[in-house]
Structures are given as structure tokens and as C-alpha cells.
Amino acid sequence: METKKYSSWLRYLGITSQLLVMIGLAVYGGIWLDEKFNLAPLFTVTLPLLVLGITFYKLIKETGKKNKNNGSK
């Protein structure tokens, strides 16, 4: 019972860590692309928003799958 509780926390901690790393890389890549193509904040704003959208889609898909497997919980 304890390991199940910790495994769910660790899974969400992993998702959070992935989100933070991906947003950081998207901001860094956006700044680099903006400097390279001389486009003010276009990529710096667009890439992190794209990463957030994809991550939330994956999160909703994963939690919906968990709910279907566990019944109505």
C-alpha cells in the first residue's frame, strides 16, 4: 500500500520535472532562434506555449487512461 502511494507521487514528480526541463529548453531555443532570425519575441513566446499545450494534452490523456483502468475513481 505504501509503495503504491509513493509510486504515484514519483510519477507526477517525474512529469513535473519533464515539464520544467522542456519549458527551459523551449525558452532557450526560442531566444536562440529569435537572435538567429532577428524576430523579436516570436519563438520565445511560441515554443514554451507549444510545449505547455503538448504536455497538458499528454497529462490529460494519461490521467484519463488511469481513471478508465481504475473505474470511476
PDB file of N, CA and C in Angstrom:
ATOM      1  N   MET A   1       0.817  -1.192   0.000  1.00  0.00           N
ATOM      2  CA  MET A   1       0.000   0.000   0.000  1.00  0.00           C
ATOM      3  C   MET A   1       0.870   1.270   0.000  1.00  0.00           C
ATOM      4  N   GLU A   2       1.922   1.292   0.818  1.00  0.00           N
ATOM      5  CA  GLU A   2       2.816   2.454   0.871  1.00  0.00           C
ATOM      6  C   GLU A   2       3.534   2.678  -0.449  1.00  0.00           C
ATOM      7  N   THR A   3       4.023   1.594  -1.070  1.00  0.00           N
ATOM      8  CA  THR A   3       4.772   1.764  -2.314  1.00  0.00           C
ATOM      9  C   THR A   3       3.884   2.284  -3.430  1.00  0.00           C
ATOM     10  N   LYS A   4       2.603   1.902  -3.431  1.00  0.00           N
ATOM     11  CA  LYS A   4       1.675   2.413  -4.444  1.00  0.00           C
ATOM     12  C   LYS A   4       1.484   3.917  -4.276  1.00  0.00           C
ATOM     13  N   LYS A   5       1.389   4.360  -3.024  1.00  0.00           N
ATOM     14  CA  LYS A   5       1.231   5.785  -2.738  1.00  0.00           C
ATOM     15  C   LYS A   5       2.449   6.565  -3.222  1.00  0.00           C
ATOM     16  N   TYR A   6       3.641   6.050  -2.923  1.00  0.00           N
ATOM     17  CA  TYR A   6       4.862   6.734  -3.335  1.00  0.00           C
ATOM     18  C   TYR A   6       5.079   6.663  -4.843  1.00  0.00           C
ATOM     19  N   SER A   7       4.683   5.582  -5.472  1.00  0.00           N
ATOM     20  CA  SER A   7       4.903   5.464  -6.906  1.00  0.00           C
ATOM     21  C   SER A   7       4.064   6.480  -7.679  1.00  0.00           C
ATOM     22  N   SER A   8       2.852   6.758  -7.206  1.00  0.00           N
ATOM     23  CA  SER A   8       2.044   7.771  -7.898  1.00  0.00           C
ATOM     24  C   SER A   8       2.655   9.161  -7.715  1.00  0.00           C
ATOM     25  N   TRP A   9       3.176   9.452  -6.519  1.00  0.00           N
ATOM     26  CA  TRP A   9       3.835  10.736  -6.297  1.00  0.00           C
ATOM     27  C   TRP A   9       5.075  10.869  -7.159  1.00  0.00           C
ATOM     28  N   LEU A  10       5.840   9.789  -7.248  1.00  0.00           N
ATOM     29  CA  LEU A  10       7.055   9.840  -8.057  1.00  0.00           C
ATOM     30  C   LEU A  10       6.739  10.015  -9.531  1.00  0.00           C
ATOM     31  N   ARG A  11       5.646   9.416  -9.985  1.00  0.00           N
ATOM     32  CA  ARG A  11       5.267   9.557 -11.389  1.00  0.00           C
ATOM     33  C   ARG A  11       4.924  11.017 -11.700  1.00  0.00           C
ATOM     34  N   TYR A  12       4.140  11.648 -10.828  1.00  0.00           N
ATOM     35  CA  TYR A  12       3.781  13.046 -11.064  1.00  0.00           C
ATOM     36  C   TYR A  12       4.974  13.974 -10.862  1.00  0.00           C
ATOM     37  N   LEU A  13       5.881  13.610  -9.987  1.00  0.00           N
ATOM     38  CA  LEU A  13       7.104  14.381  -9.825  1.00  0.00           C
ATOM     39  C   LEU A  13       7.947  14.306 -11.096  1.00  0.00           C
ATOM     40  N   GLY A  14       7.971  13.143 -11.717  1.00  0.00           N
ATOM     41  CA  GLY A  14       8.680  12.982 -12.987  1.00  0.00           C
ATOM     42  C   GLY A  14       8.063  13.810 -14.091  1.00  0.00           C
ATOM     43  N   ILE A  15       6.738  13.838 -14.140  1.00  0.00           N
ATOM     44  CA  ILE A  15       6.046  14.655 -15.148  1.00  0.00           C
ATOM     45  C   ILE A  15       6.354  16.133 -14.933  1.00  0.00           C
ATOM     46  N   THR A  16       6.350  16.566 -13.667  1.00  0.00           N
ATOM     47  CA  THR A  16       6.662  17.963 -13.354  1.00  0.00           C
ATOM     48  C   THR A  16       8.093  18.307 -13.756  1.00  0.00           C
ATOM     49  N   SER A  17       9.011  17.407 -13.465  1.00  0.00           N
ATOM     50  CA  SER A  17      10.412  17.643 -13.834  1.00  0.00           C
ATOM     51  C   SER A  17      10.563  17.748 -15.349  1.00  0.00           C
ATOM     52  N   GLN A  18       9.887  16.864 -16.068  1.00  0.00           N
ATOM     53  CA  GLN A  18       9.933  16.923 -17.530  1.00  0.00           C
ATOM     54  C   GLN A  18       9.382  18.246 -18.034  1.00  0.00           C
ATOM     55  N   LEU A  19       8.282  18.710 -17.441  1.00  0.00           N
ATOM     56  CA  LEU A  19       7.675  19.968 -17.866  1.00  0.00           C
ATOM     57  C   LEU A  19       8.646  21.127 -17.663  1.00  0.00           C
ATOM     58  N   LEU A  20       9.270  21.191 -16.503  1.00  0.00           N
ATOM     59  CA  LEU A  20      10.202  22.290 -16.225  1.00  0.00           C
ATOM     60  C   LEU A  20      11.401  22.274 -17.166  1.00  0.00           C
ATOM     61  N   VAL A  21      11.946  21.091 -17.413  1.00  0.00           N
ATOM     62  CA  VAL A  21      13.092  20.981 -18.319  1.00  0.00           C
ATOM     63  C   VAL A  21      12.683  21.371 -19.741  1.00  0.00           C
ATOM     64  N   MET A  22      11.539  20.890 -20.192  1.00  0.00           N
ATOM     65  CA  MET A  22      11.095  21.185 -21.553  1.00  0.00           C
ATOM     66  C   MET A  22      10.795  22.674 -21.733  1.00  0.00           C
ATOM     67  N   ILE A  23      10.198  23.314 -20.732  1.00  0.00           N
ATOM     68  CA  ILE A  23       9.940  24.754 -20.831  1.00  0.00           C
ATOM     69  C   ILE A  23      11.263  25.515 -20.866  1.00  0.00           C
ATOM     70  N   GLY A  24      12.210  25.112 -20.032  1.00  0.00           N
ATOM     71  CA  GLY A  24      13.522  25.762 -20.036  1.00  0.00           C
ATOM     72  C   GLY A  24      14.211  25.635 -21.386  1.00  0.00           C
ATOM     73  N   LEU A  25      14.182  24.436 -21.950  1.00  0.00           N
ATOM     74  CA  LEU A  25      14.789  24.237 -23.272  1.00  0.00           C
ATOM     75  C   LEU A  25      14.047  25.016 -24.353  1.00  0.00           C
ATOM     76  N   ALA A  26      12.721  25.097 -24.241  1.00  0.00           N
ATOM     77  CA  ALA A  26      11.946  25.839 -25.233  1.00  0.00           C
ATOM     78  C   ALA A  26      12.258  27.332 -25.168  1.00  0.00           C
ATOM     79  N   VAL A  27      12.397  27.872 -23.970  1.00  0.00           N
ATOM     80  CA  VAL A  27      12.741  29.295 -23.835  1.00  0.00           C
ATOM     81  C   VAL A  27      14.144  29.548 -24.379  1.00  0.00           C
ATOM     82  N   TYR A  28      15.086  28.688 -24.001  1.00  0.00           N
ATOM     83  CA  TYR A  28      16.463  28.853 -24.501  1.00  0.00           C
ATOM     84  C   TYR A  28      16.497  28.736 -26.028  1.00  0.00           C
ATOM     85  N   GLY A  29      15.822  27.738 -26.572  1.00  0.00           N
ATOM     86  CA  GLY A  29      15.783  27.572 -28.025  1.00  0.00           C
ATOM     87  C   GLY A  29      15.072  28.725 -28.706  1.00  0.00           C
ATOM     88  N   GLY A  30      14.008  29.234 -28.080  1.00  0.00           N
ATOM     89  CA  GLY A  30      13.290  30.373 -28.644  1.00  0.00           C
ATOM     90  C   GLY A  30      14.143  31.628 -28.692  1.00  0.00           C
ATOM     91  N   ILE A  31      14.890  31.867 -27.612  1.00  0.00           N
ATOM     92  CA  ILE A  31      15.789  33.029 -27.598  1.00  0.00           C
ATOM     93  C   ILE A  31      16.857  32.889 -28.673  1.00  0.00           C
ATOM     94  N   TRP A  32      17.406  31.695 -28.793  1.00  0.00           N
ATOM     95  CA  TRP A  32      18.448  31.454 -29.805  1.00  0.00           C
ATOM     96  C   TRP A  32      17.894  31.656 -31.217  1.00  0.00           C
ATOM     97  N   LEU A  33      16.698  31.112 -31.476  1.00  0.00           N
ATOM     98  CA  LEU A  33      16.097  31.262 -32.800  1.00  0.00           C
ATOM     99  C   LEU A  33      15.739  32.718 -33.097  1.00  0.00           C
ATOM    100  N   ASP A  34      15.236  33.441 -32.080  1.00  0.00           N
ATOM    101  CA  ASP A  34      14.914  34.855 -32.275  1.00  0.00           C
ATOM    102  C   ASP A  34      16.153  35.667 -32.619  1.00  0.00           C
ATOM    103  N   GLU A  35      17.264  35.372 -31.961  1.00  0.00           N
ATOM    104  CA  GLU A  35      18.503  36.086 -32.273  1.00  0.00           C
ATOM    105  C   GLU A  35      19.019  35.713 -33.654  1.00  0.00           C
ATOM    106  N   LYS A  36      18.882  34.438 -34.013  1.00  0.00           N
ATOM    107  CA  LYS A  36      19.390  33.981 -35.305  1.00  0.00           C
ATOM    108  C   LYS A  36      18.599  34.584 -36.473  1.00  0.00           C
ATOM    109  N   PHE A  37      17.279  34.615 -36.354  1.00  0.00           N
ATOM    110  CA  PHE A  37      16.431  35.114 -37.446  1.00  0.00           C
ATOM    111  C   PHE A  37      15.980  36.555 -37.246  1.00  0.00           C
ATOM    112  N   ASN A  38      16.426  37.197 -36.172  1.00  0.00           N
ATOM    113  CA  ASN A  38      16.090  38.590 -35.876  1.00  0.00           C
ATOM    114  C   ASN A  38      14.572  38.820 -35.834  1.00  0.00           C
ATOM    115  N   LEU A  39      13.875  37.900 -35.163  1.00  0.00           N
ATOM    116  CA  LEU A  39      12.431  38.016 -34.950  1.00  0.00           C
ATOM    117  C   LEU A  39      12.205  38.191 -33.462  1.00  0.00           C
ATOM    118  N   ALA A  40      11.802  39.404 -33.086  1.00  0.00           N
ATOM    119  CA  ALA A  40      11.724  39.792 -31.670  1.00  0.00           C
ATOM    120  C   ALA A  40      11.321  38.643 -30.737  1.00  0.00           C
ATOM    121  N   PRO A  41      10.154  38.607 -30.152  1.00  0.00           N
ATOM    122  CA  PRO A  41       9.861  37.528 -29.203  1.00  0.00           C
ATOM    123  C   PRO A  41       8.998  36.411 -29.791  1.00  0.00           C
ATOM    124  N   LEU A  42       9.049  36.213 -31.083  1.00  0.00           N
ATOM    125  CA  LEU A  42       8.160  35.233 -31.719  1.00  0.00           C
ATOM    126  C   LEU A  42       8.397  33.821 -31.204  1.00  0.00           C
ATOM    127  N   PHE A  43       9.604  33.312 -31.350  1.00  0.00           N
ATOM    128  CA  PHE A  43       9.889  31.940 -30.927  1.00  0.00           C
ATOM    129  C   PHE A  43       9.966  31.816 -29.410  1.00  0.00           C
ATOM    130  N   THR A  44      10.393  32.879 -28.731  1.00  0.00           N
ATOM    131  CA  THR A  44      10.499  32.846 -27.277  1.00  0.00           C
ATOM    132  C   THR A  44       9.127  32.675 -26.637  1.00  0.00           C
ATOM    133  N   VAL A  45       8.108  33.172 -27.263  1.00  0.00           N
ATOM    134  CA  VAL A  45       6.740  33.020 -26.741  1.00  0.00           C
ATOM    135  C   VAL A  45       6.082  31.752 -27.282  1.00  0.00           C
ATOM    136  N   THR A  46       6.284  31.468 -28.553  1.00  0.00           N
ATOM    137  CA  THR A  46       5.579  30.363 -29.207  1.00  0.00           C
ATOM    138  C   THR A  46       6.041  28.994 -28.732  1.00  0.00           C
ATOM    139  N   LEU A  47       7.332  28.771 -28.637  1.00  0.00           N
ATOM    140  CA  LEU A  47       7.836  27.450 -28.260  1.00  0.00           C
ATOM    141  C   LEU A  47       7.400  27.011 -26.862  1.00  0.00           C
ATOM    142  N   PRO A  48       7.514  27.853 -25.803  1.00  0.00           N
ATOM    143  CA  PRO A  48       7.024  27.412 -24.496  1.00  0.00           C
ATOM    144  C   PRO A  48       5.514  27.146 -24.472  1.00  0.00           C
ATOM    145  N   LEU A  49       4.745  27.941 -25.209  1.00  0.00           N
ATOM    146  CA  LEU A  49       3.308  27.686 -25.271  1.00  0.00           C
ATOM    147  C   LEU A  49       3.005  26.364 -25.959  1.00  0.00           C
ATOM    148  N   LEU A  50       3.755  26.054 -26.977  1.00  0.00           N
ATOM    149  CA  LEU A  50       3.606  24.775 -27.662  1.00  0.00           C
ATOM    150  C   LEU A  50       3.951  23.617 -26.724  1.00  0.00           C
ATOM    151  N   VAL A  51       5.036  23.760 -25.977  1.00  0.00           N
ATOM    152  CA  VAL A  51       5.434  22.728 -25.010  1.00  0.00           C
ATOM    153  C   VAL A  51       4.355  22.553 -23.945  1.00  0.00           C
ATOM    154  N   LEU A  52       3.806  23.649 -23.437  1.00  0.00           N
ATOM    155  CA  LEU A  52       2.730  23.555 -22.441  1.00  0.00           C
ATOM    156  C   LEU A  52       1.510  22.840 -23.001  1.00  0.00           C
ATOM    157  N   GLY A  53       1.124  23.180 -24.213  1.00  0.00           N
ATOM    158  CA  GLY A  53      -0.031  22.534 -24.832  1.00  0.00           C
ATOM    159  C   GLY A  53       0.168  21.039 -25.002  1.00  0.00           C
ATOM    160  N   ILE A  54       1.318  20.642 -25.485  1.00  0.00           N
ATOM    161  CA  ILE A  54       1.602  19.222 -25.685  1.00  0.00           C
ATOM    162  C   ILE A  54       1.659  18.489 -24.348  1.00  0.00           C
ATOM    163  N   THR A  55       2.285  19.111 -23.349  1.00  0.00           N
ATOM    164  CA  THR A  55       2.405  18.474 -22.041  1.00  0.00           C
ATOM    165  C   THR A  55       1.045  18.309 -21.377  1.00  0.00           C
ATOM    166  N   PHE A  56       0.206  19.332 -21.445  1.00  0.00           N
ATOM    167  CA  PHE A  56      -1.126  19.204 -20.859  1.00  0.00           C
ATOM    168  C   PHE A  56      -1.968  18.169 -21.592  1.00  0.00           C
ATOM    169  N   TYR A  57      -1.815  18.075 -22.896  1.00  0.00           N
ATOM    170  CA  TYR A  57      -2.512  17.041 -23.655  1.00  0.00           C
ATOM    171  C   TYR A  57      -2.087  15.653 -23.183  1.00  0.00           C
ATOM    172  N   LYS A  58      -0.771  15.450 -23.044  1.00  0.00           N
ATOM    173  CA  LYS A  58      -0.270  14.159 -22.580  1.00  0.00           C
ATOM    174  C   LYS A  58      -0.745  13.869 -21.156  1.00  0.00           C
ATOM    175  N   LEU A  59      -0.756  14.888 -20.293  1.00  0.00           N
ATOM    176  CA  LEU A  59      -1.183  14.712 -18.915  1.00  0.00           C
ATOM    177  C   LEU A  59      -2.651  14.330 -18.832  1.00  0.00           C
ATOM    178  N   ILE A  60      -3.492  15.003 -19.596  1.00  0.00           N
ATOM    179  CA  ILE A  60      -4.918  14.684 -19.603  1.00  0.00           C
ATOM    180  C   ILE A  60      -5.149  13.294 -20.166  1.00  0.00           C
ATOM    181  N   LYS A  61      -4.424  12.956 -21.206  1.00  0.00           N
ATOM    182  CA  LYS A  61      -4.550  11.626 -21.805  1.00  0.00           C
ATOM    183  C   LYS A  61      -4.127  10.546 -20.810  1.00  0.00           C
ATOM    184  N   GLU A  62      -3.033  10.778 -20.088  1.00  0.00           N
ATOM    185  CA  GLU A  62      -2.529   9.796 -19.128  1.00  0.00           C
ATOM    186  C   GLU A  62      -3.458   9.652 -17.920  1.00  0.00           C
ATOM    187  N   THR A  63      -3.944  10.749 -17.385  1.00  0.00           N
ATOM    188  CA  THR A  63      -4.825  10.657 -16.223  1.00  0.00           C
ATOM    189  C   THR A  63      -6.187  10.099 -16.612  1.00  0.00           C
ATOM    190  N   GLY A  64      -6.638  10.363 -17.822  1.00  0.00           N
ATOM    191  CA  GLY A  64      -7.889   9.770 -18.289  1.00  0.00           C
ATOM    192  C   GLY A  64      -7.763   8.268 -18.437  1.00  0.00           C
ATOM    193  N   LYS A  65      -6.609   7.813 -18.899  1.00  0.00           N
ATOM    194  CA  LYS A  65      -6.340   6.391 -19.023  1.00  0.00           C
ATOM    195  C   LYS A  65      -6.320   5.736 -17.651  1.00  0.00           C
ATOM    196  N   LYS A  66      -5.747   6.423 -16.652  1.00  0.00           N
ATOM    197  CA  LYS A  66      -5.688   5.897 -15.296  1.00  0.00           C
ATOM    198  C   LYS A  66      -7.095   5.757 -14.726  1.00  0.00           C
ATOM    199  N   ASN A  67      -7.936   6.763 -14.962  1.00  0.00           N
ATOM    200  CA  ASN A  67      -9.305   6.717 -14.458  1.00  0.00           C
ATOM    201  C   ASN A  67     -10.109   5.609 -15.108  1.00  0.00           C
ATOM    202  N   LYS A  68      -9.903   5.349 -16.385  1.00  0.00           N
ATOM    203  CA  LYS A  68     -10.633   4.276 -17.055  1.00  0.00           C
ATOM    204  C   LYS A  68     -10.223   2.914 -16.513  1.00  0.00           C
ATOM    205  N   ASN A  69      -8.937   2.758 -16.200  1.00  0.00           N
ATOM    206  CA  ASN A  69      -8.447   1.486 -15.683  1.00  0.00           C
ATOM    207  C   ASN A  69      -8.908   1.231 -14.249  1.00  0.00           C
ATOM    208  N   ASN A  70      -9.090   2.284 -13.458  1.00  0.00           N
ATOM    209  CA  ASN A  70      -9.479   2.141 -12.063  1.00  0.00           C
ATOM    210  C   ASN A  70     -10.973   2.273 -11.846  1.00  0.00           C
ATOM    211  N   GLY A  71     -11.750   2.319 -12.859  1.00  0.00           N
ATOM    212  CA  GLY A  71     -13.200   2.519 -12.703  1.00  0.00           C
ATOM    213  C   GLY A  71     -13.523   3.982 -12.709  1.00  0.00           C
ATOM    214  N   SER A  72     -14.388   4.397 -11.803  1.00  0.00           N
ATOM    215  CA  SER A  72     -14.842   5.798 -11.779  1.00  0.00           C
ATOM    216  C   SER A  72     -14.046   6.662 -10.813  1.00  0.00           C
ATOM    217  N   LYS A  73     -12.947   6.170 -10.268  1.00  0.00           N
ATOM    218  CA  LYS A  73     -12.144   6.948  -9.315  1.00  0.00           C
ATOM    219  C   LYS A  73     -11.358   8.024 -10.004  1.00  0.00           C
TER     220      LYS A  73
END
